[in-house]
């Protein structure tokens, strides 16, 4: 995961590291890996993925994670299983934490 993060400019690396740490603390049992060429956390299956792009950070908590927080994610561009957080605005880390906690519960109930 460090190799992936290190390919970005310093300010983007800082955001990605904070996102990674938010996921780690919200899902300490999750395993870090790279899937689909992007950072992935697994816990009883795929938990969440994230990636950096030119203008946004992509966060992929699966369709159920998006659906459960649809109202709170409404200020952002969302698709079926993803949300785009603009890179030039603060990431909503508290919301990300709650989505991860939801996904952990969901995956452990499988």
PDB file of N, CA and C in Angstrom:
ATOM      1  N   UNK A   1       0.822  -1.187   0.000  1.00  0.00           N
ATOM      2  CA  UNK A   1       0.000   0.000   0.000  1.00  0.00           C
ATOM      3  C   UNK A   1       0.870   1.256   0.000  1.00  0.00           C
ATOM      4  N   UNK A   2       2.010   1.183   0.676  1.00  0.00           N
ATOM      5  CA  UNK A   2       2.931   2.334   0.688  1.00  0.00           C
ATOM      6  C   UNK A   2       3.385   2.670  -0.733  1.00  0.00           C
ATOM      7  N   UNK A   3       3.629   1.628  -1.543  1.00  0.00           N
ATOM      8  CA  UNK A   3       4.067   1.860  -2.920  1.00  0.00           C
ATOM      9  C   UNK A   3       3.018   2.651  -3.698  1.00  0.00           C
ATOM     10  N   UNK A   4       1.753   2.308  -3.509  1.00  0.00           N
ATOM     11  CA  UNK A   4       0.668   3.007  -4.199  1.00  0.00           C
ATOM     12  C   UNK A   4       0.632   4.467  -3.735  1.00  0.00           C
ATOM     13  N   UNK A   5       0.594   4.674  -2.434  1.00  0.00           N
ATOM     14  CA  UNK A   5       0.465   6.024  -1.871  1.00  0.00           C
ATOM     15  C   UNK A   5       1.654   6.906  -2.258  1.00  0.00           C
ATOM     16  N   UNK A   6       2.849   6.317  -2.297  1.00  0.00           N
ATOM     17  CA  UNK A   6       4.055   7.105  -2.583  1.00  0.00           C
ATOM     18  C   UNK A   6       4.120   7.652  -4.007  1.00  0.00           C
ATOM     19  N   UNK A   7       3.236   7.198  -4.888  1.00  0.00           N
ATOM     20  CA  UNK A   7       3.257   7.682  -6.275  1.00  0.00           C
ATOM     21  C   UNK A   7       2.566   9.031  -6.448  1.00  0.00           C
ATOM     22  N   UNK A   8       1.969   9.547  -5.389  1.00  0.00           N
ATOM     23  CA  UNK A   8       1.203  10.791  -5.481  1.00  0.00           C
ATOM     24  C   UNK A   8       1.952  11.960  -4.854  1.00  0.00           C
ATOM     25  N   UNK A   9       1.561  13.199  -5.220  1.00  0.00           N
ATOM     26  CA  UNK A   9       2.171  14.376  -4.595  1.00  0.00           C
ATOM     27  C   UNK A   9       1.961  14.344  -3.079  1.00  0.00           C
ATOM     28  N   UNK A  10       2.848  15.007  -2.348  1.00  0.00           N
ATOM     29  CA  UNK A  10       2.852  14.978  -0.886  1.00  0.00           C
ATOM     30  C   UNK A  10       1.489  15.292  -0.275  1.00  0.00           C
ATOM     31  N   UNK A  11       0.813  16.326  -0.771  1.00  0.00           N
ATOM     32  CA  UNK A  11      -0.480  16.699  -0.174  1.00  0.00           C
ATOM     33  C   UNK A  11      -1.532  15.601  -0.376  1.00  0.00           C
ATOM     34  N   UNK A  12      -1.457  14.890  -1.491  1.00  0.00           N
ATOM     35  CA  UNK A  12      -2.380  13.778  -1.740  1.00  0.00           C
ATOM     36  C   UNK A  12      -1.982  12.578  -0.876  1.00  0.00           C
ATOM     37  N   UNK A  13      -0.678  12.355  -0.741  1.00  0.00           N
ATOM     38  CA  UNK A  13      -0.198  11.277   0.141  1.00  0.00           C
ATOM     39  C   UNK A  13      -0.726  11.472   1.560  1.00  0.00           C
ATOM     40  N   UNK A  14      -0.722  12.708   2.033  1.00  0.00           N
ATOM     41  CA  UNK A  14      -1.207  12.997   3.387  1.00  0.00           C
ATOM     42  C   UNK A  14      -2.684  12.613   3.534  1.00  0.00           C
ATOM     43  N   UNK A  15      -3.482  12.954   2.537  1.00  0.00           N
ATOM     44  CA  UNK A  15      -4.911  12.603   2.554  1.00  0.00           C
ATOM     45  C   UNK A  15      -5.078  11.086   2.540  1.00  0.00           C
ATOM     46  N   UNK A  16      -4.338  10.417   1.667  1.00  0.00           N
ATOM     47  CA  UNK A  16      -4.446   8.956   1.551  1.00  0.00           C
ATOM     48  C   UNK A  16      -4.016   8.259   2.839  1.00  0.00           C
ATOM     49  N   UNK A  17      -2.955   8.751   3.477  1.00  0.00           N
ATOM     50  CA  UNK A  17      -2.506   8.160   4.738  1.00  0.00           C
ATOM     51  C   UNK A  17      -3.542   8.359   5.833  1.00  0.00           C
ATOM     52  N   UNK A  18      -4.151   9.530   5.872  1.00  0.00           N
ATOM     53  CA  UNK A  18      -5.182   9.780   6.881  1.00  0.00           C
ATOM     54  C   UNK A  18      -6.396   8.870   6.627  1.00  0.00           C
ATOM     55  N   UNK A  19      -6.744   8.702   5.365  1.00  0.00           N
ATOM     56  CA  UNK A  19      -7.849   7.808   5.014  1.00  0.00           C
ATOM     57  C   UNK A  19      -7.502   6.370   5.407  1.00  0.00           C
ATOM     58  N   UNK A  20      -6.302   5.950   5.097  1.00  0.00           N
ATOM     59  CA  UNK A  20      -5.842   4.608   5.445  1.00  0.00           C
ATOM     60  C   UNK A  20      -5.894   4.391   6.960  1.00  0.00           C
ATOM     61  N   UNK A  21      -5.414   5.378   7.713  1.00  0.00           N
ATOM     62  CA  UNK A  21      -5.433   5.270   9.175  1.00  0.00           C
ATOM     63  C   UNK A  21      -6.853   5.263   9.725  1.00  0.00           C
ATOM     64  N   UNK A  22      -7.747   6.021   9.100  1.00  0.00           N
ATOM     65  CA  UNK A  22      -9.157   6.017   9.513  1.00  0.00           C
ATOM     66  C   UNK A  22      -9.739   4.619   9.322  1.00  0.00           C
ATOM     67  N   UNK A  23      -9.422   3.993   8.201  1.00  0.00           N
ATOM     68  CA  UNK A  23      -9.914   2.638   7.939  1.00  0.00           C
ATOM     69  C   UNK A  23      -9.304   1.664   8.941  1.00  0.00           C
ATOM     70  N   UNK A  24      -8.002   1.767   9.159  1.00  0.00           N
ATOM     71  CA  UNK A  24      -7.320   0.855  10.098  1.00  0.00           C
ATOM     72  C   UNK A  24      -7.898   0.930  11.505  1.00  0.00           C
ATOM     73  N   UNK A  25      -8.154   2.140  11.981  1.00  0.00           N
ATOM     74  CA  UNK A  25      -8.677   2.275  13.343  1.00  0.00           C
ATOM     75  C   UNK A  25     -10.149   1.876  13.425  1.00  0.00           C
ATOM     76  N   UNK A  26     -10.886   2.037  12.337  1.00  0.00           N
ATOM     77  CA  UNK A  26     -12.306   1.658  12.316  1.00  0.00           C
ATOM     78  C   UNK A  26     -12.496   0.160  12.089  1.00  0.00           C
ATOM     79  N   UNK A  27     -11.509  -0.469  11.485  1.00  0.00           N
ATOM     80  CA  UNK A  27     -11.585  -1.906  11.180  1.00  0.00           C
ATOM     81  C   UNK A  27     -10.223  -2.538  11.450  1.00  0.00           C
ATOM     82  N   UNK A  28      -9.804  -2.594  12.729  1.00  0.00           N
ATOM     83  CA  UNK A  28      -8.453  -3.071  13.038  1.00  0.00           C
ATOM     84  C   UNK A  28      -8.171  -4.515  12.629  1.00  0.00           C
ATOM     85  N   UNK A  29      -9.208  -5.325  12.473  1.00  0.00           N
ATOM     86  CA  UNK A  29      -9.006  -6.727  12.081  1.00  0.00           C
ATOM     87  C   UNK A  29      -8.879  -6.886  10.559  1.00  0.00           C
ATOM     88  N   UNK A  30      -9.185  -5.840   9.825  1.00  0.00           N
ATOM     89  CA  UNK A  30      -9.159  -5.933   8.360  1.00  0.00           C
ATOM     90  C   UNK A  30      -7.732  -6.093   7.834  1.00  0.00           C
ATOM     91  N   UNK A  31      -7.621  -6.828   6.753  1.00  0.00           N
ATOM     92  CA  UNK A  31      -6.339  -7.079   6.094  1.00  0.00           C
ATOM     93  C   UNK A  31      -6.162  -6.082   4.953  1.00  0.00           C
ATOM     94  N   UNK A  32      -4.970  -5.476   4.890  1.00  0.00           N
ATOM     95  CA  UNK A  32      -4.655  -4.539   3.811  1.00  0.00           C
ATOM     96  C   UNK A  32      -4.088  -5.300   2.622  1.00  0.00           C
ATOM     97  N   UNK A  33      -4.534  -4.934   1.437  1.00  0.00           N
ATOM     98  CA  UNK A  33      -4.023  -5.555   0.225  1.00  0.00           C
ATOM     99  C   UNK A  33      -4.233  -4.590  -0.937  1.00  0.00           C
ATOM    100  N   UNK A  34      -3.823  -5.025  -2.113  1.00  0.00           N
ATOM    101  CA  UNK A  34      -4.106  -4.263  -3.329  1.00  0.00           C
ATOM    102  C   UNK A  34      -5.001  -5.155  -4.197  1.00  0.00           C
ATOM    103  N   UNK A  35      -6.145  -4.636  -4.565  1.00  0.00           N
ATOM    104  CA  UNK A  35      -7.080  -5.328  -5.462  1.00  0.00           C
ATOM    105  C   UNK A  35      -7.474  -4.340  -6.541  1.00  0.00           C
ATOM    106  N   UNK A  36      -7.609  -4.784  -7.750  1.00  0.00           N
ATOM    107  CA  UNK A  36      -7.963  -3.896  -8.873  1.00  0.00           C
ATOM    108  C   UNK A  36      -6.958  -2.744  -8.979  1.00  0.00           C
ATOM    109  N   UNK A  37      -5.707  -2.996  -8.606  1.00  0.00           N
ATOM    110  CA  UNK A  37      -4.613  -2.015  -8.608  1.00  0.00           C
ATOM    111  C   UNK A  37      -4.840  -0.850  -7.654  1.00  0.00           C
ATOM    112  N   UNK A  38      -5.746  -0.991  -6.681  1.00  0.00           N
ATOM    113  CA  UNK A  38      -5.965   0.068  -5.701  1.00  0.00           C
ATOM    114  C   UNK A  38      -5.968  -0.510  -4.282  1.00  0.00           C
ATOM    115  N   UNK A  39      -5.687   0.328  -3.279  1.00  0.00           N
ATOM    116  CA  UNK A  39      -5.698  -0.139  -1.887  1.00  0.00           C
ATOM    117  C   UNK A  39      -7.065  -0.701  -1.498  1.00  0.00           C
ATOM    118  N   UNK A  40      -7.032  -1.846  -0.845  1.00  0.00           N
ATOM    119  CA  UNK A  40      -8.239  -2.567  -0.463  1.00  0.00           C
ATOM    120  C   UNK A  40      -8.091  -3.072   0.964  1.00  0.00           C
ATOM    121  N   UNK A  41      -9.178  -3.048   1.686  1.00  0.00           N
ATOM    122  CA  UNK A  41      -9.229  -3.667   3.007  1.00  0.00           C
ATOM    123  C   UNK A  41     -10.227  -4.804   2.934  1.00  0.00           C
ATOM    124  N   UNK A  42      -9.813  -5.970   3.452  1.00  0.00           N
ATOM    125  CA  UNK A  42     -10.665  -7.158   3.432  1.00  0.00           C
ATOM    126  C   UNK A  42     -10.962  -7.601   4.851  1.00  0.00           C
ATOM    127  N   UNK A  43     -12.191  -7.985   5.065  1.00  0.00           N
ATOM    128  CA  UNK A  43     -12.619  -8.556   6.335  1.00  0.00           C
ATOM    129  C   UNK A  43     -13.840  -9.406   6.015  1.00  0.00           C
ATOM    130  N   UNK A  44     -13.642 -10.708   5.964  1.00  0.00           N
ATOM    131  CA  UNK A  44     -14.731 -11.597   5.565  1.00  0.00           C
ATOM    132  C   UNK A  44     -15.243 -11.184   4.182  1.00  0.00           C
ATOM    133  N   UNK A  45     -14.306 -10.949   3.270  1.00  0.00           N
ATOM    134  CA  UNK A  45     -14.616 -10.447   1.931  1.00  0.00           C
ATOM    135  C   UNK A  45     -14.142  -9.004   1.802  1.00  0.00           C
ATOM    136  N   UNK A  46     -14.352  -8.398   0.639  1.00  0.00           N
ATOM    137  CA  UNK A  46     -13.957  -7.001   0.440  1.00  0.00           C
ATOM    138  C   UNK A  46     -14.736  -6.102   1.387  1.00  0.00           C
ATOM    139  N   UNK A  47     -14.012  -5.217   2.043  1.00  0.00           N
ATOM    140  CA  UNK A  47     -14.637  -4.272   2.970  1.00  0.00           C
ATOM    141  C   UNK A  47     -14.787  -2.916   2.276  1.00  0.00           C
ATOM    142  N   UNK A  48     -13.668  -2.284   1.948  1.00  0.00           N
ATOM    143  CA  UNK A  48     -13.658  -1.010   1.221  1.00  0.00           C
ATOM    144  C   UNK A  48     -12.392  -0.924   0.373  1.00  0.00           C
ATOM    145  N   UNK A  49     -12.458  -0.086  -0.641  1.00  0.00           N
ATOM    146  CA  UNK A  49     -11.303   0.244  -1.492  1.00  0.00           C
ATOM    147  C   UNK A  49     -11.213   1.774  -1.506  1.00  0.00           C
ATOM    148  N   UNK A  50     -10.032   2.281  -1.848  1.00  0.00           N
ATOM    149  CA  UNK A  50      -9.907   3.717  -2.098  1.00  0.00           C
ATOM    150  C   UNK A  50      -8.842   3.944  -3.156  1.00  0.00           C
ATOM    151  N   UNK A  51      -8.891   5.104  -3.776  1.00  0.00           N
ATOM    152  CA  UNK A  51      -7.928   5.435  -4.820  1.00  0.00           C
ATOM    153  C   UNK A  51      -7.874   6.949  -4.993  1.00  0.00           C
ATOM    154  N   UNK A  52      -6.742   7.421  -5.490  1.00  0.00           N
ATOM    155  CA  UNK A  52      -6.598   8.853  -5.766  1.00  0.00           C
ATOM    156  C   UNK A  52      -6.603   9.082  -7.269  1.00  0.00           C
ATOM    157  N   UNK A  53      -7.200  10.175  -7.649  1.00  0.00           N
ATOM    158  CA  UNK A  53      -7.264  10.597  -9.042  1.00  0.00           C
ATOM    159  C   UNK A  53      -6.879  12.074  -9.097  1.00  0.00           C
ATOM    160  N   UNK A  54      -6.855  12.618 -10.274  1.00  0.00           N
ATOM    161  CA  UNK A  54      -6.405  14.000 -10.435  1.00  0.00           C
ATOM    162  C   UNK A  54      -7.209  14.977  -9.572  1.00  0.00           C
ATOM    163  N   UNK A  55      -8.538  14.848  -9.565  1.00  0.00           N
ATOM    164  CA  UNK A  55      -9.372  15.826  -8.883  1.00  0.00           C
ATOM    165  C   UNK A  55     -10.179  15.296  -7.701  1.00  0.00           C
ATOM    166  N   UNK A  56     -10.044  14.005  -7.418  1.00  0.00           N
ATOM    167  CA  UNK A  56     -10.840  13.452  -6.317  1.00  0.00           C
ATOM    168  C   UNK A  56     -10.194  12.215  -5.707  1.00  0.00           C
ATOM    169  N   UNK A  57     -10.706  11.866  -4.531  1.00  0.00           N
ATOM    170  CA  UNK A  57     -10.368  10.603  -3.887  1.00  0.00           C
ATOM    171  C   UNK A  57     -11.596   9.710  -4.070  1.00  0.00           C
ATOM    172  N   UNK A  58     -11.397   8.563  -4.670  1.00  0.00           N
ATOM    173  CA  UNK A  58     -12.490   7.609  -4.838  1.00  0.00           C
ATOM    174  C   UNK A  58     -12.545   6.710  -3.613  1.00  0.00           C
ATOM    175  N   UNK A  59     -13.734   6.537  -3.075  1.00  0.00           N
ATOM    176  CA  UNK A  59     -13.953   5.672  -1.914  1.00  0.00           C
ATOM    177  C   UNK A  59     -15.043   4.687  -2.307  1.00  0.00           C
ATOM    178  N   UNK A  60     -14.759   3.402  -2.110  1.00  0.00           N
ATOM    179  CA  UNK A  60     -15.624   2.343  -2.620  1.00  0.00           C
ATOM    180  C   UNK A  60     -16.081   1.422  -1.488  1.00  0.00           C
ATOM    181  N   UNK A  61     -17.185   1.774  -0.817  1.00  0.00           N
ATOM    182  CA  UNK A  61     -17.664   0.960   0.295  1.00  0.00           C
ATOM    183  C   UNK A  61     -18.754  -0.042  -0.109  1.00  0.00           C
ATOM    184  N   UNK A  62     -18.817  -0.400  -1.369  1.00  0.00           N
ATOM    185  CA  UNK A  62     -19.837  -1.286  -1.954  1.00  0.00           C
ATOM    186  C   UNK A  62     -21.192  -0.569  -2.041  1.00  0.00           C
ATOM    187  N   UNK A  63     -22.094  -1.073  -2.869  1.00  0.00           N
ATOM    188  CA  UNK A  63     -23.413  -0.429  -2.997  1.00  0.00           C
ATOM    189  C   UNK A  63     -24.170  -0.299  -1.673  1.00  0.00           C
ATOM    190  N   UNK A  64     -24.052  -1.290  -0.797  1.00  0.00           N
ATOM    191  CA  UNK A  64     -24.780  -1.213   0.480  1.00  0.00           C
ATOM    192  C   UNK A  64     -24.263  -0.076   1.359  1.00  0.00           C
ATOM    193  N   UNK A  65     -22.958   0.155   1.330  1.00  0.00           N
ATOM    194  CA  UNK A  65     -22.378   1.254   2.098  1.00  0.00           C
ATOM    195  C   UNK A  65     -22.818   2.607   1.582  1.00  0.00           C
ATOM    196  N   UNK A  66     -22.972   2.723   0.291  1.00  0.00           N
ATOM    197  CA  UNK A  66     -23.454   3.970  -0.311  1.00  0.00           C
ATOM    198  C   UNK A  66     -24.928   4.169   0.038  1.00  0.00           C
ATOM    199  N   UNK A  67     -25.712   3.131  -0.150  1.00  0.00           N
ATOM    200  CA  UNK A  67     -27.157   3.206   0.091  1.00  0.00           C
ATOM    201  C   UNK A  67     -27.471   3.585   1.537  1.00  0.00           C
ATOM    202  N   UNK A  68     -26.762   2.996   2.487  1.00  0.00           N
ATOM    203  CA  UNK A  68     -27.022   3.235   3.908  1.00  0.00           C
ATOM    204  C   UNK A  68     -26.730   4.685   4.325  1.00  0.00           C
ATOM    205  N   UNK A  69     -25.870   5.360   3.587  1.00  0.00           N
ATOM    206  CA  UNK A  69     -25.484   6.738   3.944  1.00  0.00           C
ATOM    207  C   UNK A  69     -25.812   7.718   2.817  1.00  0.00           C
ATOM    208  N   UNK A  70     -26.792   7.345   2.013  1.00  0.00           N
ATOM    209  CA  UNK A  70     -27.165   8.124   0.827  1.00  0.00           C
ATOM    210  C   UNK A  70     -27.399   9.607   1.142  1.00  0.00           C
ATOM    211  N   UNK A  71     -28.156   9.877   2.187  1.00  0.00           N
ATOM    212  CA  UNK A  71     -28.488  11.259   2.537  1.00  0.00           C
ATOM    213  C   UNK A  71     -27.223  12.048   2.892  1.00  0.00           C
ATOM    214  N   UNK A  72     -26.359  11.465   3.729  1.00  0.00           N
ATOM    215  CA  UNK A  72     -25.141  12.160   4.145  1.00  0.00           C
ATOM    216  C   UNK A  72     -24.133  12.303   3.001  1.00  0.00           C
ATOM    217  N   UNK A  73     -24.217  11.411   2.020  1.00  0.00           N
ATOM    218  CA  UNK A  73     -23.304  11.471   0.874  1.00  0.00           C
ATOM    219  C   UNK A  73     -23.843  12.365  -0.248  1.00  0.00           C
ATOM    220  N   UNK A  74     -25.047  12.905  -0.083  1.00  0.00           N
ATOM    221  CA  UNK A  74     -25.681  13.680  -1.150  1.00  0.00           C
ATOM    222  C   UNK A  74     -24.874  14.888  -1.643  1.00  0.00           C
ATOM    223  N   UNK A  75     -24.016  15.516  -0.810  1.00  0.00           N
ATOM    224  CA  UNK A  75     -23.222  16.627  -1.351  1.00  0.00           C
ATOM    225  C   UNK A  75     -22.132  16.186  -2.340  1.00  0.00           C
ATOM    226  N   UNK A  76     -21.893  14.878  -2.415  1.00  0.00           N
ATOM    227  CA  UNK A  76     -20.807  14.361  -3.242  1.00  0.00           C
ATOM    228  C   UNK A  76     -21.357  13.622  -4.453  1.00  0.00           C
ATOM    229  N   UNK A  77     -20.486  13.433  -5.426  1.00  0.00           N
ATOM    230  CA  UNK A  77     -20.854  12.649  -6.602  1.00  0.00           C
ATOM    231  C   UNK A  77     -20.776  11.169  -6.219  1.00  0.00           C
ATOM    232  N   UNK A  78     -21.917  10.487  -6.299  1.00  0.00           N
ATOM    233  CA  UNK A  78     -21.948   9.073  -5.945  1.00  0.00           C
ATOM    234  C   UNK A  78     -22.417   8.238  -7.121  1.00  0.00           C
ATOM    235  N   UNK A  79     -21.987   7.006  -7.137  1.00  0.00           N
ATOM    236  CA  UNK A  79     -22.462   6.013  -8.100  1.00  0.00           C
ATOM    237  C   UNK A  79     -22.906   4.815  -7.271  1.00  0.00           C
ATOM    238  N   UNK A  80     -23.227   3.741  -7.921  1.00  0.00           N
ATOM    239  CA  UNK A  80     -23.783   2.577  -7.224  1.00  0.00           C
ATOM    240  C   UNK A  80     -22.936   2.119  -6.030  1.00  0.00           C
ATOM    241  N   UNK A  81     -21.615   2.041  -6.189  1.00  0.00           N
ATOM    242  CA  UNK A  81     -20.774   1.550  -5.105  1.00  0.00           C
ATOM    243  C   UNK A  81     -19.612   2.456  -4.768  1.00  0.00           C
ATOM    244  N   UNK A  82     -19.704   3.725  -5.205  1.00  0.00           N
ATOM    245  CA  UNK A  82     -18.560   4.618  -5.005  1.00  0.00           C
ATOM    246  C   UNK A  82     -18.999   6.045  -4.717  1.00  0.00           C
ATOM    247  N   UNK A  83     -18.053   6.770  -4.141  1.00  0.00           N
ATOM    248  CA  UNK A  83     -18.252   8.202  -3.908  1.00  0.00           C
ATOM    249  C   UNK A  83     -16.951   8.910  -4.275  1.00  0.00           C
ATOM    250  N   UNK A  84     -17.098  10.099  -4.849  1.00  0.00           N
ATOM    251  CA  UNK A  84     -15.934  10.923  -5.184  1.00  0.00           C
ATOM    252  C   UNK A  84     -15.869  12.088  -4.208  1.00  0.00           C
ATOM    253  N   UNK A  85     -14.765  12.134  -3.440  1.00  0.00           N
ATOM    254  CA  UNK A  85     -14.526  13.256  -2.544  1.00  0.00           C
ATOM    255  C   UNK A  85     -13.571  14.211  -3.254  1.00  0.00           C
ATOM    256  N   UNK A  86     -13.982  15.466  -3.505  1.00  0.00           N
ATOM    257  CA  UNK A  86     -13.088  16.408  -4.186  1.00  0.00           C
ATOM    258  C   UNK A  86     -11.773  16.548  -3.435  1.00  0.00           C
ATOM    259  N   UNK A  87     -10.696  16.541  -4.182  1.00  0.00           N
ATOM    260  CA  UNK A  87      -9.368  16.572  -3.576  1.00  0.00           C
ATOM    261  C   UNK A  87      -9.051  17.930  -2.960  1.00  0.00           C
ATOM    262  N   UNK A  88      -9.759  18.964  -3.386  1.00  0.00           N
ATOM    263  CA  UNK A  88      -9.484  20.316  -2.896  1.00  0.00           C
ATOM    264  C   UNK A  88     -10.372  20.715  -1.712  1.00  0.00           C
ATOM    265  N   UNK A  89     -11.125  19.753  -1.164  1.00  0.00           N
ATOM    266  CA  UNK A  89     -11.962  20.017   0.006  1.00  0.00           C
ATOM    267  C   UNK A  89     -11.644  18.974   1.071  1.00  0.00           C
ATOM    268  N   UNK A  90     -11.873  19.321   2.343  1.00  0.00           N
ATOM    269  CA  UNK A  90     -11.591  18.345   3.402  1.00  0.00           C
ATOM    270  C   UNK A  90     -12.455  17.086   3.263  1.00  0.00           C
ATOM    271  N   UNK A  91     -11.832  15.942   3.436  1.00  0.00           N
ATOM    272  CA  UNK A  91     -12.590  14.689   3.405  1.00  0.00           C
ATOM    273  C   UNK A  91     -13.416  14.579   4.682  1.00  0.00           C
ATOM    274  N   UNK A  92     -14.627  14.045   4.592  1.00  0.00           N
ATOM    275  CA  UNK A  92     -15.472  13.883   5.785  1.00  0.00           C
ATOM    276  C   UNK A  92     -15.075  12.598   6.528  1.00  0.00           C
ATOM    277  N   UNK A  93     -13.955  12.650   7.248  1.00  0.00           N
ATOM    278  CA  UNK A  93     -13.414  11.442   7.881  1.00  0.00           C
ATOM    279  C   UNK A  93     -14.368  10.812   8.888  1.00  0.00           C
ATOM    280  N   UNK A  94     -15.173  11.636   9.569  1.00  0.00           N
ATOM    281  CA  UNK A  94     -16.137  11.068  10.512  1.00  0.00           C
ATOM    282  C   UNK A  94     -17.181  10.231   9.774  1.00  0.00           C
ATOM    283  N   UNK A  95     -17.648  10.732   8.644  1.00  0.00           N
ATOM    284  CA  UNK A  95     -18.600   9.977   7.825  1.00  0.00           C
ATOM    285  C   UNK A  95     -17.949   8.702   7.289  1.00  0.00           C
ATOM    286  N   UNK A  96     -16.722   8.809   6.818  1.00  0.00           N
ATOM    287  CA  UNK A  96     -15.987   7.635   6.331  1.00  0.00           C
ATOM    288  C   UNK A  96     -15.885   6.586   7.434  1.00  0.00           C
ATOM    289  N   UNK A  97     -15.556   7.023   8.649  1.00  0.00           N
ATOM    290  CA  UNK A  97     -15.447   6.106   9.783  1.00  0.00           C
ATOM    291  C   UNK A  97     -16.772   5.373  10.021  1.00  0.00           C
ATOM    292  N   UNK A  98     -17.882   6.110   9.983  1.00  0.00           N
ATOM    293  CA  UNK A  98     -19.185   5.491  10.224  1.00  0.00           C
ATOM    294  C   UNK A  98     -19.559   4.509   9.110  1.00  0.00           C
ATOM    295  N   UNK A  99     -19.198   4.837   7.873  1.00  0.00           N
ATOM    296  CA  UNK A  99     -19.455   3.921   6.755  1.00  0.00           C
ATOM    297  C   UNK A  99     -18.641   2.642   6.944  1.00  0.00           C
ATOM    298  N   UNK A 100     -17.395   2.779   7.348  1.00  0.00           N
ATOM    299  CA  UNK A 100     -16.541   1.604   7.563  1.00  0.00           C
ATOM    300  C   UNK A 100     -17.096   0.739   8.688  1.00  0.00           C
ATOM    301  N   UNK A 101     -17.499   1.363   9.770  1.00  0.00           N
ATOM    302  CA  UNK A 101     -18.074   0.605  10.883  1.00  0.00           C
ATOM    303  C   UNK A 101     -19.329  -0.154  10.433  1.00  0.00           C
ATOM    304  N   UNK A 102     -20.128   0.482   9.603  1.00  0.00           N
ATOM    305  CA  UNK A 102     -21.315  -0.171   9.037  1.00  0.00           C
ATOM    306  C   UNK A 102     -20.913  -1.385   8.198  1.00  0.00           C
ATOM    307  N   UNK A 103     -19.894  -1.184   7.347  1.00  0.00           N
ATOM    308  CA  UNK A 103     -19.445  -2.271   6.470  1.00  0.00           C
ATOM    309  C   UNK A 103     -18.825  -3.428   7.280  1.00  0.00           C
ATOM    310  N   UNK A 104     -18.102  -3.122   8.357  1.00  0.00           N
ATOM    311  CA  UNK A 104     -17.530  -4.169   9.209  1.00  0.00           C
ATOM    312  C   UNK A 104     -18.673  -5.016   9.768  1.00  0.00           C
ATOM    313  N   UNK A 105     -19.676  -4.362  10.338  1.00  0.00           N
ATOM    314  CA  UNK A 105     -20.817  -5.075  10.918  1.00  0.00           C
ATOM    315  C   UNK A 105     -21.490  -5.944   9.846  1.00  0.00           C
ATOM    316  N   UNK A 106     -21.694  -5.341   8.685  1.00  0.00           N
ATOM    317  CA  UNK A 106     -22.343  -6.049   7.574  1.00  0.00           C
ATOM    318  C   UNK A 106     -21.534  -7.287   7.158  1.00  0.00           C
ATOM    319  N   UNK A 107     -20.220  -7.134   6.994  1.00  0.00           N
ATOM    320  CA  UNK A 107     -19.388  -8.261   6.560  1.00  0.00           C
ATOM    321  C   UNK A 107     -19.291  -9.353   7.630  1.00  0.00           C
ATOM    322  N   UNK A 108     -19.267  -8.954   8.891  1.00  0.00           N
ATOM    323  CA  UNK A 108     -19.156  -9.957   9.950  1.00  0.00           C
ATOM    324  C   UNK A 108     -20.453 -10.731  10.138  1.00  0.00           C
ATOM    325  N   UNK A 109     -21.571 -10.163   9.679  1.00  0.00           N
ATOM    326  CA  UNK A 109     -22.845 -10.860   9.764  1.00  0.00           C
ATOM    327  C   UNK A 109     -23.065 -11.829   8.622  1.00  0.00           C
ATOM    328  N   UNK A 110     -22.169 -11.815   7.631  1.00  0.00           N
ATOM    329  CA  UNK A 110     -22.295 -12.722   6.478  1.00  0.00           C
ATOM    330  C   UNK A 110     -22.218 -14.176   6.912  1.00  0.00           C
TER     331      UNK A 110
END
